[in-house]
Amino acid sequence: MSRKLIAMLLTTAALSLSAPLMAEPQSVNINTATAAELTALPGIGEKKADAIIADREAHGAYESADDLSRVSGIGSATVEQLRDSVEL
């Protein structure tokens, strides 16, 4: 092989190895998740994770993703954003 071809192949290989891997979407059980697990969800930081757990402890298990709207700071837009990432 020519040096140019080898250089091109090595460059392509290096770029593909350095590209970030796409994380598999993970599903989080909102009835059993820890605060750390909840913060893996889009739009959920430490304060909202703590609020989800506090609400869950005070009012019982969530029956659907829509129940997250009972947590202060989580509105319908956030629920829609989370719908495919949560399980019960």
N, C-alpha and C. Protein backbone atom coordinates (compact mmCIF):
# COMPACT_ATOMS: atom_id res chain seq x y z
N MET A 1 0.84 -1.19 0.00
CA MET A 1 0.00 0.00 0.00
C MET A 1 0.87 1.24 0.00
N SER A 2 0.32 2.27 -0.55
CA SER A 2 1.08 3.52 -0.57
C SER A 2 1.05 4.19 0.79
N ARG A 3 2.02 5.01 1.02
CA ARG A 3 2.11 5.72 2.31
C ARG A 3 0.91 6.63 2.54
N LYS A 4 0.41 7.25 1.48
CA LYS A 4 -0.75 8.13 1.61
C LYS A 4 -1.98 7.34 2.04
N LEU A 5 -2.17 6.17 1.45
CA LEU A 5 -3.32 5.33 1.80
C LEU A 5 -3.21 4.85 3.25
N ILE A 6 -2.04 4.44 3.64
CA ILE A 6 -1.83 4.00 5.03
C ILE A 6 -2.09 5.15 5.99
N ALA A 7 -1.58 6.33 5.67
CA ALA A 7 -1.79 7.50 6.52
C ALA A 7 -3.27 7.84 6.62
N MET A 8 -3.97 7.74 5.51
CA MET A 8 -5.41 8.03 5.51
C MET A 8 -6.16 7.01 6.36
N LEU A 9 -5.82 5.74 6.23
CA LEU A 9 -6.48 4.70 7.03
C LEU A 9 -6.21 4.88 8.52
N LEU A 10 -4.98 5.21 8.86
CA LEU A 10 -4.64 5.43 10.27
C LEU A 10 -5.37 6.65 10.83
N THR A 11 -5.48 7.69 10.04
CA THR A 11 -6.20 8.90 10.48
C THR A 11 -7.67 8.59 10.69
N THR A 12 -8.26 7.86 9.74
CA THR A 12 -9.67 7.49 9.87
C THR A 12 -9.90 6.64 11.10
N ALA A 13 -9.03 5.69 11.34
CA ALA A 13 -9.15 4.82 12.52
C ALA A 13 -9.02 5.63 13.80
N ALA A 14 -8.07 6.55 13.84
CA ALA A 14 -7.88 7.37 15.03
C ALA A 14 -9.08 8.25 15.30
N LEU A 15 -9.65 8.83 14.26
CA LEU A 15 -10.83 9.68 14.44
C LEU A 15 -12.03 8.88 14.92
N SER A 16 -12.20 7.68 14.41
CA SER A 16 -13.35 6.88 14.84
C SER A 16 -13.19 6.43 16.28
N LEU A 17 -11.96 6.22 16.73
CA LEU A 17 -11.74 5.82 18.12
C LEU A 17 -11.91 6.99 19.08
N SER A 18 -11.63 8.20 18.60
CA SER A 18 -11.74 9.36 19.48
C SER A 18 -13.15 9.93 19.52
N ALA A 19 -14.02 9.52 18.60
CA ALA A 19 -15.40 10.01 18.59
C ALA A 19 -16.12 9.49 19.81
N PRO A 20 -16.92 10.33 20.47
CA PRO A 20 -17.65 9.86 21.65
C PRO A 20 -18.65 8.79 21.27
N LEU A 21 -18.73 7.80 22.11
CA LEU A 21 -19.70 6.75 21.89
C LEU A 21 -21.06 7.23 22.33
N MET A 22 -22.07 6.91 21.58
CA MET A 22 -23.43 7.28 21.96
C MET A 22 -23.89 6.34 23.06
N ALA A 23 -24.30 6.90 24.15
CA ALA A 23 -24.78 6.09 25.27
C ALA A 23 -26.14 5.52 24.94
N GLU A 24 -26.32 4.30 25.32
CA GLU A 24 -27.63 3.68 25.15
C GLU A 24 -28.61 4.41 26.06
N PRO A 25 -29.79 4.72 25.55
CA PRO A 25 -30.76 5.34 26.44
C PRO A 25 -31.06 4.37 27.58
N GLN A 26 -30.99 4.88 28.77
CA GLN A 26 -31.26 4.01 29.90
C GLN A 26 -32.59 4.38 30.52
N SER A 27 -33.26 3.38 31.01
CA SER A 27 -34.53 3.59 31.65
C SER A 27 -34.32 3.53 33.15
N VAL A 28 -34.93 4.46 33.86
CA VAL A 28 -34.77 4.55 35.31
C VAL A 28 -36.12 4.30 35.96
N ASN A 29 -36.15 3.41 36.93
CA ASN A 29 -37.37 3.14 37.67
C ASN A 29 -37.56 4.25 38.69
N ILE A 30 -38.57 5.09 38.47
CA ILE A 30 -38.76 6.25 39.34
C ILE A 30 -39.30 5.88 40.71
N ASN A 31 -39.71 4.64 40.89
CA ASN A 31 -40.20 4.21 42.21
C ASN A 31 -39.11 3.61 43.09
N THR A 32 -37.96 3.29 42.51
CA THR A 32 -36.89 2.67 43.29
C THR A 32 -35.55 3.37 43.14
N ALA A 33 -35.44 4.30 42.20
CA ALA A 33 -34.16 4.93 41.89
C ALA A 33 -33.64 5.78 43.04
N THR A 34 -32.33 5.77 43.17
CA THR A 34 -31.65 6.66 44.11
C THR A 34 -31.55 8.05 43.48
N ALA A 35 -31.14 9.02 44.28
CA ALA A 35 -30.96 10.37 43.76
C ALA A 35 -29.92 10.37 42.63
N ALA A 36 -28.84 9.63 42.81
CA ALA A 36 -27.80 9.57 41.78
C ALA A 36 -28.34 8.99 40.48
N GLU A 37 -29.17 7.97 40.56
CA GLU A 37 -29.76 7.38 39.36
C GLU A 37 -30.73 8.35 38.69
N LEU A 38 -31.48 9.07 39.48
CA LEU A 38 -32.44 10.03 38.92
C LEU A 38 -31.74 11.18 38.20
N THR A 39 -30.56 11.58 38.68
CA THR A 39 -29.85 12.68 38.03
C THR A 39 -29.32 12.29 36.65
N ALA A 40 -29.37 11.02 36.31
CA ALA A 40 -28.98 10.58 34.96
C ALA A 40 -30.08 10.91 33.94
N LEU A 41 -31.25 11.25 34.43
CA LEU A 41 -32.37 11.59 33.55
C LEU A 41 -32.21 13.01 33.03
N PRO A 42 -32.64 13.27 31.80
CA PRO A 42 -32.52 14.62 31.24
C PRO A 42 -33.34 15.63 32.03
N GLY A 43 -32.70 16.72 32.41
CA GLY A 43 -33.39 17.80 33.11
C GLY A 43 -33.56 17.59 34.60
N ILE A 44 -32.99 16.51 35.14
CA ILE A 44 -33.12 16.24 36.57
C ILE A 44 -31.76 16.42 37.23
N GLY A 45 -31.68 17.44 38.07
CA GLY A 45 -30.47 17.68 38.85
C GLY A 45 -30.66 17.15 40.25
N GLU A 46 -29.72 17.46 41.12
CA GLU A 46 -29.76 16.94 42.49
C GLU A 46 -31.01 17.39 43.25
N LYS A 47 -31.38 18.65 43.12
CA LYS A 47 -32.54 19.17 43.86
C LYS A 47 -33.83 18.49 43.40
N LYS A 48 -34.01 18.35 42.09
CA LYS A 48 -35.23 17.70 41.59
C LYS A 48 -35.23 16.21 41.94
N ALA A 49 -34.07 15.58 41.91
CA ALA A 49 -33.99 14.16 42.29
C ALA A 49 -34.41 13.99 43.75
N ASP A 50 -33.90 14.87 44.60
CA ASP A 50 -34.29 14.81 46.02
C ASP A 50 -35.79 15.07 46.18
N ALA A 51 -36.34 15.99 45.38
CA ALA A 51 -37.77 16.29 45.46
C ALA A 51 -38.60 15.11 44.98
N ILE A 52 -38.14 14.40 43.97
CA ILE A 52 -38.85 13.21 43.49
C ILE A 52 -38.90 12.16 44.60
N ILE A 53 -37.77 11.93 45.24
CA ILE A 53 -37.72 10.93 46.31
C ILE A 53 -38.59 11.36 47.49
N ALA A 54 -38.55 12.63 47.87
CA ALA A 54 -39.37 13.11 48.97
C ALA A 54 -40.85 12.95 48.66
N ASP A 55 -41.24 13.28 47.42
CA ASP A 55 -42.63 13.13 47.02
C ASP A 55 -43.05 11.66 47.04
N ARG A 56 -42.17 10.81 46.54
CA ARG A 56 -42.45 9.36 46.49
C ARG A 56 -42.64 8.81 47.91
N GLU A 57 -41.81 9.27 48.83
CA GLU A 57 -41.92 8.80 50.22
C GLU A 57 -43.17 9.35 50.90
N ALA A 58 -43.55 10.57 50.56
CA ALA A 58 -44.70 11.20 51.19
C ALA A 58 -46.04 10.74 50.61
N HIS A 59 -46.07 10.47 49.31
CA HIS A 59 -47.35 10.19 48.64
C HIS A 59 -47.45 8.80 48.03
N GLY A 60 -46.41 8.00 48.14
CA GLY A 60 -46.46 6.65 47.60
C GLY A 60 -45.91 6.57 46.19
N ALA A 61 -45.90 5.36 45.69
CA ALA A 61 -45.31 5.07 44.37
C ALA A 61 -46.02 5.81 43.25
N TYR A 62 -45.24 6.09 42.22
CA TYR A 62 -45.79 6.70 41.01
C TYR A 62 -46.48 5.61 40.21
N GLU A 63 -47.64 5.93 39.67
CA GLU A 63 -48.38 4.98 38.86
C GLU A 63 -48.17 5.22 37.37
N SER A 64 -47.69 6.41 37.01
CA SER A 64 -47.37 6.72 35.62
C SER A 64 -46.36 7.86 35.62
N ALA A 65 -45.75 8.08 34.48
CA ALA A 65 -44.81 9.19 34.34
C ALA A 65 -45.50 10.52 34.62
N ASP A 66 -46.79 10.61 34.31
CA ASP A 66 -47.55 11.84 34.55
C ASP A 66 -47.56 12.24 36.02
N ASP A 67 -47.42 11.26 36.92
CA ASP A 67 -47.41 11.56 38.35
C ASP A 67 -46.22 12.41 38.76
N LEU A 68 -45.19 12.46 37.94
CA LEU A 68 -44.03 13.30 38.25
C LEU A 68 -44.41 14.77 38.30
N SER A 69 -45.51 15.14 37.65
CA SER A 69 -45.93 16.54 37.65
C SER A 69 -46.37 17.01 39.03
N ARG A 70 -46.57 16.09 39.95
CA ARG A 70 -46.92 16.50 41.32
C ARG A 70 -45.69 16.99 42.09
N VAL A 71 -44.51 16.85 41.50
CA VAL A 71 -43.27 17.34 42.11
C VAL A 71 -43.07 18.80 41.70
N SER A 72 -42.83 19.66 42.67
CA SER A 72 -42.59 21.07 42.39
C SER A 72 -41.41 21.22 41.44
N GLY A 73 -41.60 21.99 40.37
CA GLY A 73 -40.54 22.23 39.41
C GLY A 73 -40.56 21.29 38.22
N ILE A 74 -41.46 20.31 38.24
CA ILE A 74 -41.58 19.39 37.11
C ILE A 74 -42.95 19.62 36.48
N GLY A 75 -42.92 20.19 35.28
CA GLY A 75 -44.16 20.47 34.57
C GLY A 75 -44.38 19.49 33.44
N SER A 76 -45.39 19.75 32.66
CA SER A 76 -45.77 18.82 31.59
C SER A 76 -44.66 18.68 30.54
N ALA A 77 -43.93 19.73 30.27
CA ALA A 77 -42.85 19.64 29.28
C ALA A 77 -41.75 18.70 29.77
N THR A 78 -41.42 18.79 31.04
CA THR A 78 -40.39 17.90 31.60
C THR A 78 -40.89 16.47 31.62
N VAL A 79 -42.16 16.27 31.97
CA VAL A 79 -42.73 14.92 31.98
C VAL A 79 -42.62 14.32 30.58
N GLU A 80 -42.94 15.08 29.55
CA GLU A 80 -42.85 14.58 28.17
C GLU A 80 -41.41 14.23 27.81
N GLN A 81 -40.49 15.05 28.28
CA GLN A 81 -39.07 14.82 28.02
C GLN A 81 -38.60 13.52 28.69
N LEU A 82 -39.18 13.21 29.83
CA LEU A 82 -38.78 12.04 30.62
C LEU A 82 -39.52 10.76 30.26
N ARG A 83 -40.65 10.89 29.62
CA ARG A 83 -41.57 9.76 29.41
C ARG A 83 -40.88 8.49 28.90
N ASP A 84 -40.00 8.60 27.94
CA ASP A 84 -39.34 7.43 27.37
C ASP A 84 -38.14 6.95 28.19
N SER A 85 -37.77 7.71 29.21
CA SER A 85 -36.59 7.37 30.01
C SER A 85 -36.93 6.78 31.37
N VAL A 86 -38.23 6.77 31.71
CA VAL A 86 -38.61 6.27 33.03
C VAL A 86 -39.46 5.02 32.91
N GLU A 87 -39.38 4.22 33.94
CA GLU A 87 -40.24 3.04 34.06
C GLU A 87 -40.77 2.99 35.47
N LEU A 88 -41.74 2.13 35.67
CA LEU A 88 -42.38 2.02 36.98
C LEU A 88 -42.07 0.68 37.58
